[in-house]
Amino acid sequence: MRVHENVHLEIKREWTADLKKEVVAFANTQGGTIHVGLDDQGRVIGVEDAQQVLLQITNMIRDAIRPDVTLFTDTAVEKREGKQIISITVQRGANRPYYIAEKGLKPSGVYVRQGSSSAPASESAIRRMIQETDGDQYENIRSLEQELTFADAAAEFQKRGLELGETQMKSLGLTSLEGLYTNLGRLLSDRCVHTVKAAVFSGTDKGVFSDRKEFAGSLLRQLTDTYTYLDLYNRTKATFSGLERQDYRDYPPDAIREALLNAIVHREYSFSGSTLINIYDDRMEFVSIGGLVAGLTMDDIMLGVSQARNERLAAVFYRLKLIEAYGTGIQKIFASFKEKENHLTPRLACSENAFLAVLPNRNYRPPASSLAPTAILPQEDRIMDYIAEHGSISRTEAQILLKIGQTMAGRNLRRMEANGLLQVYGKGRNTRYQRPR
């Protein structure tokens, strides 16, 4: 009796290595049977040394297909019309997608059954199979990319006296029980596809762009590199109260650190966009993808209630002592701004798909509205440079600096005060001028 190929049946004249493609396709779809020893018209031609061929097929299924599909296959030698053929019955597998090991978890290695033929699965189909098998938690899903390295992550672990071997990777969730890398593994690998983008603007809007930087690699490397870059733009301003000098950075370092950690650890990584940081003269903005975790409100966040979107990622950062305890980051940000009495507080906002944290620049003072761009005279520039270096200036110091008379020096200082460039403190011989606080 002749047979014809269909969605559940494949016929082969002889065994070849390509047979694994059909096994993968049936295991990924609705199952099926492969007959070896039939010609294209379904006529029996038989297999020579069927037991040896059966052994080769069994070894191939075991060694060339991942995850292990042997539990869902059954091979046997059958006798038809006086000849021996081989039948391979494949059930729909429970750990889809199955793929050819040497090709990897990508379309060239993942096949599905389409009609009477096996075809490469699309990336969206692969993702759908992974999600059906692994669930909705992004960090626990098997990564599409399996050729990963962990040089930066290993260095961070070693720095803290911790190991990052196969055992630790499995316990932390970087690999699955089958030994495949998860999306968490990819996030911490040197080949993480997500990035952090920082942009610097002159002024208080996006009108004048001055610098930008994109940080890639392991999330652990991105954290370190991004913080170093932001620290370059966290300038220090010196002020004086009498003879006592006080230095204040534009932003509390703890606030930058916690805002950056929050943006990296708690963002939604199932979306491909970058985490964004915008630096203006008066503020620093952190924009991460993903709104609040379902069930939480902004009031909950302000009270310190926390529900990690990426629980395993947060656990890794906790193990590395990068975060101290869940739910304390936002409170630390607000507390750090209370150290300086300037009534500036951070601002939080969220939408369905994004979370925004805004840190105000504690040292920013808006320019006087009446001051034209060309109003600063050369001698005023020299005074401002002197103040930048020494913190303040007296009339006598200005007289010596500019090599002018006492009256002219006083006139220059009073004009700069009137234009909002300087602030006066002290009286009589103790009168000094500094930048407005």
Protein backbone atom coordinates (compact mmCIF):
# COMPACT_ATOMS: atom_id res chain seq x y z
CA MET A 1 0.00 0.00 0.00
CA ARG A 2 1.41 3.30 -1.03
CA VAL A 3 1.53 6.25 1.39
CA HIS A 4 1.85 9.96 0.74
CA GLU A 5 3.45 12.70 2.81
CA ASN A 6 1.23 15.00 4.83
CA VAL A 7 1.39 17.17 7.94
CA HIS A 8 1.88 14.06 10.11
CA LEU A 9 3.92 11.85 7.77
CA GLU A 10 7.35 12.08 6.15
CA ILE A 11 8.90 9.41 3.91
CA LYS A 12 12.60 8.96 3.12
CA ARG A 13 14.42 6.64 0.73
CA GLU A 14 17.36 6.31 3.12
CA TRP A 15 18.76 7.69 6.30
CA THR A 16 20.70 10.98 6.10
CA ALA A 17 21.74 13.54 8.67
CA ASP A 18 18.90 15.80 7.46
CA LEU A 19 16.48 13.45 9.16
CA LYS A 20 16.95 15.37 12.40
CA LYS A 21 15.22 18.35 10.79
CA GLU A 22 12.02 16.30 10.43
CA VAL A 23 12.23 15.05 14.03
CA VAL A 24 12.57 18.63 15.27
CA ALA A 25 9.65 19.80 13.12
CA PHE A 26 7.29 17.10 14.38
CA ALA A 27 8.34 17.63 18.02
CA ASN A 28 7.69 21.37 17.66
CA THR A 29 4.28 20.98 16.01
CA GLN A 30 1.69 18.22 16.37
CA GLY A 31 3.88 15.14 16.15
CA GLY A 32 4.12 12.66 13.29
CA THR A 33 5.85 9.63 11.82
CA ILE A 34 8.89 9.25 9.60
CA HIS A 35 9.29 6.15 7.44
CA VAL A 36 12.77 5.35 6.12
CA GLY A 37 12.88 2.89 3.21
CA LEU A 38 10.13 4.29 0.98
CA ASP A 39 10.59 6.08 -2.33
CA ASP A 40 8.98 9.39 -3.31
CA GLN A 41 5.84 7.58 -4.47
CA GLY A 42 5.52 5.74 -1.18
CA ARG A 43 6.63 2.37 -2.54
CA VAL A 44 8.61 0.10 -0.24
CA ILE A 45 12.26 -0.21 -1.23
CA GLY A 46 13.61 -1.33 2.15
CA VAL A 47 16.69 -0.54 4.23
CA GLU A 48 19.85 -2.62 4.21
CA ASP A 49 21.29 -3.47 7.62
CA ALA A 50 18.26 -1.92 9.31
CA GLN A 51 19.49 -2.54 12.86
CA GLN A 52 22.70 -0.58 12.21
CA VAL A 53 20.76 2.29 10.63
CA LEU A 54 18.33 2.25 13.55
CA LEU A 55 21.26 2.63 15.94
CA GLN A 56 22.60 5.59 13.93
CA ILE A 57 19.19 7.27 13.98
CA THR A 58 18.80 6.72 17.73
CA ASN A 59 22.24 8.22 18.43
CA MET A 60 21.51 11.18 16.17
CA ILE A 61 18.25 11.96 17.93
CA ARG A 62 20.02 11.80 21.29
CA ASP A 63 23.12 13.82 20.35
CA ALA A 64 22.02 16.31 17.68
CA ILE A 65 18.76 17.70 19.05
CA ARG A 66 18.22 19.98 22.06
CA PRO A 67 16.50 19.83 24.49
CA ASP A 68 16.49 16.06 24.89
CA VAL A 69 13.65 14.73 22.75
CA THR A 70 14.26 11.00 23.23
CA LEU A 71 11.34 10.70 25.67
CA PHE A 72 9.02 11.81 22.90
CA THR A 73 10.35 9.53 20.15
CA ASP A 74 9.98 5.84 19.43
CA THR A 75 12.03 4.03 16.77
CA ALA A 76 11.44 0.56 15.41
CA VAL A 77 12.24 -1.77 12.51
CA GLU A 78 9.13 -2.92 10.65
CA LYS A 79 8.68 -5.51 7.92
CA ARG A 80 6.62 -4.57 4.88
CA GLU A 81 6.27 -6.51 1.64
CA GLY A 82 9.10 -8.71 2.76
CA LYS A 83 11.49 -5.80 3.29
CA GLN A 84 12.66 -3.95 6.38
CA ILE A 85 11.88 -0.27 6.92
CA ILE A 86 12.42 2.01 9.90
CA SER A 87 9.60 3.93 11.56
CA ILE A 88 10.26 6.92 13.83
CA THR A 89 7.24 8.11 15.79
CA VAL A 90 7.61 11.61 17.22
CA GLN A 91 5.21 13.15 19.74
CA ARG A 92 4.70 16.83 20.32
CA GLY A 93 7.40 17.70 22.88
CA ALA A 94 6.88 19.34 26.25
CA ASN A 95 10.01 21.54 26.11
CA ARG A 96 9.53 23.32 22.83
CA PRO A 97 11.16 24.74 20.86
CA TYR A 98 13.45 21.86 19.94
CA TYR A 99 16.36 22.72 17.73
CA ILE A 100 19.39 21.28 15.96
CA ALA A 101 22.23 21.65 18.45
CA GLU A 102 24.86 22.80 15.95
CA LYS A 103 22.55 25.52 14.59
CA GLY A 104 21.26 26.89 17.87
CA LEU A 105 17.98 28.37 19.01
CA LYS A 106 17.33 30.38 15.84
CA PRO A 107 15.41 29.91 12.58
CA SER A 108 18.22 27.90 10.96
CA GLY A 109 18.00 25.39 13.80
CA VAL A 110 14.30 25.39 14.69
CA TYR A 111 11.82 23.72 12.33
CA VAL A 112 8.05 23.34 12.29
CA ARG A 113 5.73 21.27 10.16
CA GLN A 114 3.90 23.14 7.41
CA GLY A 115 1.72 20.89 5.30
CA SER A 116 3.83 18.02 3.96
CA SER A 117 7.19 19.73 4.52
CA SER A 118 9.38 21.01 7.36
CA ALA A 119 10.26 24.70 7.33
CA PRO A 120 12.38 27.02 9.49
CA ALA A 121 10.36 28.68 12.24
CA SER A 122 10.21 32.47 12.34
CA GLU A 123 11.74 34.30 15.30
CA SER A 124 8.27 35.29 16.48
CA ALA A 125 7.17 31.65 16.36
CA ILE A 126 10.26 30.64 18.35
CA ARG A 127 9.53 33.28 20.98
CA ARG A 128 5.92 32.13 21.18
CA MET A 129 6.96 28.50 21.75
CA ILE A 130 9.46 29.57 24.40
CA GLN A 131 6.85 31.64 26.18
CA GLU A 132 4.30 28.80 26.07
CA THR A 133 6.86 26.47 27.65
CA ASP A 134 8.71 28.78 30.06
CA GLY A 135 5.89 31.14 31.06
CA ASP A 136 5.57 34.93 30.91
CA GLN A 137 8.46 35.89 33.21
CA TYR A 138 11.00 37.36 30.79
CA GLU A 139 14.12 36.65 32.81
CA ASN A 140 13.25 32.93 33.18
CA ILE A 141 12.65 32.34 29.46
CA ARG A 142 15.33 30.59 27.42
CA SER A 143 17.47 33.05 25.49
CA LEU A 144 17.38 33.00 21.69
CA GLU A 145 21.14 33.59 21.81
CA GLN A 146 23.08 30.72 23.39
CA GLU A 147 26.66 31.65 22.43
CA LEU A 148 27.29 33.83 25.46
CA THR A 149 30.34 34.87 27.45
CA PHE A 150 30.51 36.33 30.97
CA ALA A 151 33.88 38.06 31.35
CA ASP A 152 32.49 41.23 32.94
CA ALA A 153 30.05 39.39 35.21
CA ALA A 154 32.77 36.99 36.35
CA ALA A 155 35.04 39.95 37.14
CA GLU A 156 32.32 41.61 39.24
CA PHE A 157 31.72 38.38 41.16
CA GLN A 158 35.45 37.83 41.68
CA LYS A 159 35.86 41.40 42.92
CA ARG A 160 33.46 40.53 45.74
CA GLY A 161 35.01 37.15 46.49
CA LEU A 162 32.22 35.20 44.77
CA GLU A 163 32.33 32.48 42.13
CA LEU A 164 30.33 32.36 38.92
CA GLY A 165 30.60 28.78 37.72
CA GLU A 166 28.02 26.40 36.28
CA THR A 167 26.55 25.66 39.70
CA GLN A 168 26.12 29.35 40.58
CA MET A 169 24.69 30.15 37.13
CA LYS A 170 22.03 27.51 37.56
CA SER A 171 21.13 28.49 41.13
CA LEU A 172 20.92 32.18 40.22
CA GLY A 173 18.82 31.46 37.13
CA LEU A 174 21.33 32.39 34.43
CA THR A 175 20.87 28.89 33.03
CA SER A 176 17.86 26.59 33.02
CA LEU A 177 17.69 23.09 34.46
CA GLU A 178 18.60 21.79 30.99
CA GLY A 179 21.75 23.94 30.99
CA LEU A 180 20.46 26.50 28.45
CA TYR A 181 21.06 30.19 29.01
CA THR A 182 18.01 32.17 30.10
CA ASN A 183 17.21 35.78 29.27
CA LEU A 184 18.64 36.66 32.69
CA GLY A 185 21.88 35.04 31.57
CA ARG A 186 21.85 37.12 28.41
CA LEU A 187 21.23 40.33 30.38
CA LEU A 188 24.31 39.67 32.49
CA SER A 189 26.41 38.35 29.60
CA ASP A 190 28.85 40.34 27.50
CA ARG A 191 26.32 40.13 24.64
CA CYS A 192 23.37 41.81 26.32
CA VAL A 193 21.25 43.41 23.60
CA HIS A 194 19.89 46.21 25.79
CA THR A 195 21.79 49.46 26.34
CA VAL A 196 21.75 52.67 28.38
CA LYS A 197 21.81 55.92 26.42
CA ALA A 198 22.85 59.19 28.08
CA ALA A 199 22.47 62.62 26.49
CA VAL A 200 23.67 66.01 27.73
CA PHE A 201 21.91 69.25 26.76
CA SER A 202 22.94 72.87 27.21
CA GLY A 203 20.11 74.67 28.94
CA THR A 204 16.89 73.34 30.36
CA ASP A 205 15.39 71.76 27.24
CA LYS A 206 16.47 69.64 24.26
CA GLY A 207 17.18 72.66 22.08
CA VAL A 208 20.99 72.51 22.30
CA PHE A 209 22.62 69.09 22.35
CA SER A 210 26.21 68.91 23.63
CA ASP A 211 27.16 65.26 24.21
CA ARG A 212 25.85 61.71 24.21
CA LYS A 213 27.06 58.24 25.07
CA GLU A 214 25.69 54.71 24.72
CA PHE A 215 26.71 51.99 27.16
CA ALA A 216 26.56 48.33 26.12
CA GLY A 217 27.68 44.93 27.37
CA SER A 218 26.67 43.17 30.57
CA LEU A 219 24.20 45.09 32.73
CA LEU A 220 26.88 45.05 35.41
CA ARG A 221 29.31 46.82 33.08
CA GLN A 222 26.61 49.25 31.96
CA LEU A 223 25.95 50.15 35.59
CA THR A 224 29.61 50.93 36.27
CA ASP A 225 30.30 52.77 33.00
CA THR A 226 27.11 54.83 33.15
CA TYR A 227 27.69 55.91 36.75
CA THR A 228 31.26 56.98 35.91
CA TYR A 229 29.95 59.07 33.01
CA LEU A 230 27.21 60.70 35.10
CA ASP A 231 29.72 61.48 37.82
CA LEU A 232 31.65 63.61 35.33
CA TYR A 233 28.61 65.88 35.05
CA ASN A 234 27.99 66.00 38.80
CA ARG A 235 29.97 69.16 39.46
CA THR A 236 30.97 70.57 42.84
CA LYS A 237 30.14 74.11 43.93
CA ALA A 238 31.85 75.81 46.85
CA THR A 239 30.00 78.30 49.05
CA PHE A 240 31.08 80.20 52.14
CA SER A 241 29.37 80.99 55.39
CA GLY A 242 31.74 83.46 56.96
CA LEU A 243 35.12 81.78 56.75
CA GLU A 244 33.67 78.27 56.56
CA ARG A 245 33.71 76.67 53.14
CA GLN A 246 30.98 74.21 52.14
CA ASP A 247 31.14 72.03 49.02
CA TYR A 248 27.94 70.74 47.42
CA ARG A 249 27.73 68.55 44.36
CA ASP A 250 24.95 69.24 41.90
CA TYR A 251 23.36 65.90 42.76
CA PRO A 252 23.81 63.69 45.83
CA PRO A 253 25.90 60.72 44.61
CA ASP A 254 23.55 58.34 46.44
CA ALA A 255 20.59 59.74 44.51
CA ILE A 256 22.29 59.16 41.16
CA ARG A 257 23.31 55.66 42.19
CA GLU A 258 19.85 54.64 43.39
CA ALA A 259 18.06 56.20 40.41
CA LEU A 260 20.41 54.37 38.02
CA LEU A 261 20.00 51.06 39.85
CA ASN A 262 16.23 51.46 39.82
CA ALA A 263 16.24 52.16 36.07
CA ILE A 264 18.38 49.10 35.30
CA VAL A 265 17.03 46.51 37.76
CA HIS A 266 13.31 47.24 37.49
CA ARG A 267 12.79 48.03 33.81
CA GLU A 268 10.79 45.84 31.42
CA TYR A 269 13.31 43.94 29.29
CA SER A 270 10.79 42.24 27.02
CA PHE A 271 10.82 45.55 25.10
CA SER A 272 13.93 46.32 23.07
CA GLY A 273 14.31 50.07 23.72
CA SER A 274 17.19 51.57 25.68
CA THR A 275 17.12 53.01 29.18
CA LEU A 276 17.44 56.79 28.74
CA ILE A 277 19.21 59.39 30.87
CA ASN A 278 18.92 63.09 29.99
CA ILE A 279 21.14 65.68 31.67
CA TYR A 280 20.07 69.34 31.61
CA ASP A 281 21.45 72.38 33.40
CA ASP A 282 18.74 72.14 36.06
CA ARG A 283 17.98 68.40 36.31
CA MET A 284 18.88 64.82 35.49
CA GLU A 285 16.16 62.50 34.14
CA PHE A 286 16.07 58.69 34.22
CA VAL A 287 13.54 57.08 31.87
CA SER A 288 13.08 53.30 32.03
CA ILE A 289 10.72 51.16 30.01
CA GLY A 290 7.81 49.61 31.87
CA GLY A 291 5.36 51.28 34.22
CA LEU A 292 4.65 50.10 37.74
CA VAL A 293 4.31 46.37 38.39
CA ALA A 294 0.64 45.38 38.27
CA GLY A 295 -1.07 45.98 41.60
CA LEU A 296 1.27 48.77 42.79
CA THR A 297 0.47 52.48 42.87
CA MET A 298 2.74 55.52 43.14
CA ASP A 299 1.59 55.92 46.75
CA ASP A 300 2.80 52.38 47.43
CA ILE A 301 6.20 53.21 45.96
CA MET A 302 6.54 56.33 48.13
CA LEU A 303 5.76 54.23 51.20
CA GLY A 304 8.59 51.85 50.35
CA VAL A 305 6.43 49.00 49.06
CA SER A 306 8.33 47.04 46.43
CA GLN A 307 7.53 44.22 44.04
CA ALA A 308 10.46 43.40 41.77
CA ARG A 309 9.58 42.97 38.12
CA ASN A 310 12.81 41.03 37.60
CA GLU A 311 13.13 39.06 40.83
CA ARG A 312 16.15 37.00 39.80
CA LEU A 313 17.98 40.04 38.43
CA ALA A 314 17.32 41.89 41.68
CA ALA A 315 18.58 38.85 43.60
CA VAL A 316 21.86 38.92 41.65
CA PHE A 317 22.34 42.63 42.40
CA TYR A 318 21.51 41.95 46.05
CA ARG A 319 24.06 39.12 46.15
CA LEU A 320 26.67 41.50 44.75
CA LYS A 321 25.69 44.05 47.44
CA LEU A 322 24.75 46.60 44.79
CA ILE A 323 21.35 46.95 46.42
CA GLU A 324 20.82 46.61 50.16
CA ALA A 325 17.18 45.73 50.49
CA TYR A 326 14.10 45.80 48.29
CA GLY A 327 11.98 48.94 48.38
CA THR A 328 14.54 51.31 49.92
CA GLY A 329 15.97 52.93 46.78
CA ILE A 330 13.28 55.56 46.23
CA GLN A 331 13.32 56.55 49.89
CA LYS A 332 17.11 56.93 49.76
CA ILE A 333 16.80 59.27 46.79
CA PHE A 334 14.41 61.59 48.61
CA ALA A 335 16.37 61.42 51.87
CA SER A 336 19.61 62.44 50.15
CA PHE A 337 18.08 65.76 49.05
CA LYS A 338 17.22 66.73 52.63
CA GLU A 339 20.89 67.18 53.45
CA LYS A 340 20.83 70.65 51.89
CA GLU A 341 18.09 73.07 52.81
CA ASN A 342 17.09 74.34 49.40
CA HIS A 343 13.54 72.94 49.24
CA LEU A 344 14.33 70.95 46.10
CA THR A 345 12.89 67.45 45.91
CA PRO A 346 13.04 64.73 43.26
CA ARG A 347 10.02 64.02 41.12
CA LEU A 348 8.58 60.68 40.02
CA ALA A 349 6.08 59.99 37.27
CA CYS A 350 4.89 56.90 35.44
CA SER A 351 2.73 55.89 32.53
CA GLU A 352 1.54 52.47 31.47
CA ASN A 353 4.84 51.75 29.72
CA ALA A 354 7.47 54.01 31.28
CA PHE A 355 8.82 55.24 34.61
CA LEU A 356 10.48 58.63 35.10
CA ALA A 357 12.70 59.81 37.96
CA VAL A 358 13.84 63.46 37.93
CA LEU A 359 16.69 64.68 40.14
CA PRO A 360 16.89 68.49 40.51
CA ASN A 361 20.29 70.19 40.30
CA ARG A 362 20.84 71.59 43.81
CA ASN A 363 23.32 74.22 42.60
CA TYR A 364 21.37 75.48 39.59
CA ARG A 365 20.29 79.10 39.53
CA PRO A 366 18.34 80.43 36.56
CA PRO A 367 20.04 83.33 34.76
CA ALA A 368 18.66 86.83 35.32
CA SER A 369 15.99 87.48 32.70
CA SER A 370 17.29 90.97 31.99
CA LEU A 371 20.83 89.83 31.34
CA ALA A 372 21.63 89.78 27.65
CA PRO A 373 24.01 87.09 26.36
CA THR A 374 26.71 89.72 25.78
CA ALA A 375 26.26 91.49 29.12
CA ILE A 376 29.25 89.87 30.83
CA LEU A 377 32.28 92.07 30.29
CA PRO A 378 35.86 90.73 30.08
CA GLN A 379 36.73 92.01 33.57
CA GLU A 380 33.58 90.35 34.92
CA ASP A 381 34.72 87.07 33.39
CA ARG A 382 37.98 87.38 35.31
CA ILE A 383 36.09 88.02 38.54
CA MET A 384 33.91 84.97 37.96
CA ASP A 385 36.98 82.83 37.29
CA TYR A 386 38.56 84.07 40.51
CA ILE A 387 35.42 83.18 42.46
CA ALA A 388 35.29 79.76 40.84
CA GLU A 389 38.78 79.11 42.16
CA HIS A 390 38.60 80.82 45.56
CA GLY A 391 34.89 80.72 46.40
CA SER A 392 34.42 84.50 46.80
CA ILE A 393 36.11 87.86 46.23
CA SER A 394 36.46 91.17 48.11
CA ARG A 395 36.65 94.66 46.63
CA THR A 396 40.38 94.86 47.40
CA GLU A 397 41.00 91.50 45.71
CA ALA A 398 39.03 92.66 42.65
CA GLN A 399 41.07 95.90 42.57
CA ILE A 400 44.36 93.95 42.57
CA LEU A 401 43.05 91.34 40.11
CA LEU A 402 41.88 93.90 37.53
CA LYS A 403 44.60 96.46 38.27
CA ILE A 404 42.05 99.26 38.63
CA GLY A 405 41.17 101.80 41.25
CA GLN A 406 39.11 101.23 44.37
CA THR A 407 36.06 103.10 43.04
CA MET A 408 36.02 101.25 39.71
CA ALA A 409 36.42 97.89 41.45
CA GLY A 410 33.44 98.61 43.71
CA ARG A 411 31.37 99.79 40.76
CA ASN A 412 32.07 96.54 38.82
CA LEU A 413 31.10 94.39 41.78
CA ARG A 414 27.88 96.32 42.44
CA ARG A 415 26.88 96.11 38.77
CA MET A 416 27.44 92.34 38.77
CA GLU A 417 25.33 92.08 41.93
CA ALA A 418 22.53 94.10 40.33
CA ASN A 419 22.60 91.84 37.26
CA GLY A 420 22.22 88.75 39.39
CA LEU A 421 25.75 87.48 38.80
CA LEU A 422 26.94 87.96 42.36
CA GLN A 423 25.56 87.83 45.87
CA VAL A 424 27.00 89.97 48.67
CA TYR A 425 27.48 88.84 52.25
CA GLY A 426 29.22 90.35 55.23
CA LYS A 427 29.53 94.05 56.13
CA GLY A 428 32.20 96.72 56.14
CA ARG A 429 35.69 95.37 55.69
CA ASN A 430 34.29 91.82 55.75
CA THR A 431 32.11 92.37 52.67
CA ARG A 432 32.63 89.63 50.07
CA TYR A 433 30.97 88.59 46.82
CA GLN A 434 30.13 85.09 45.63
CA ARG A 435 27.87 83.33 43.12
CA PRO A 436 24.18 83.41 44.06
CA ARG A 437 23.16 80.46 46.20
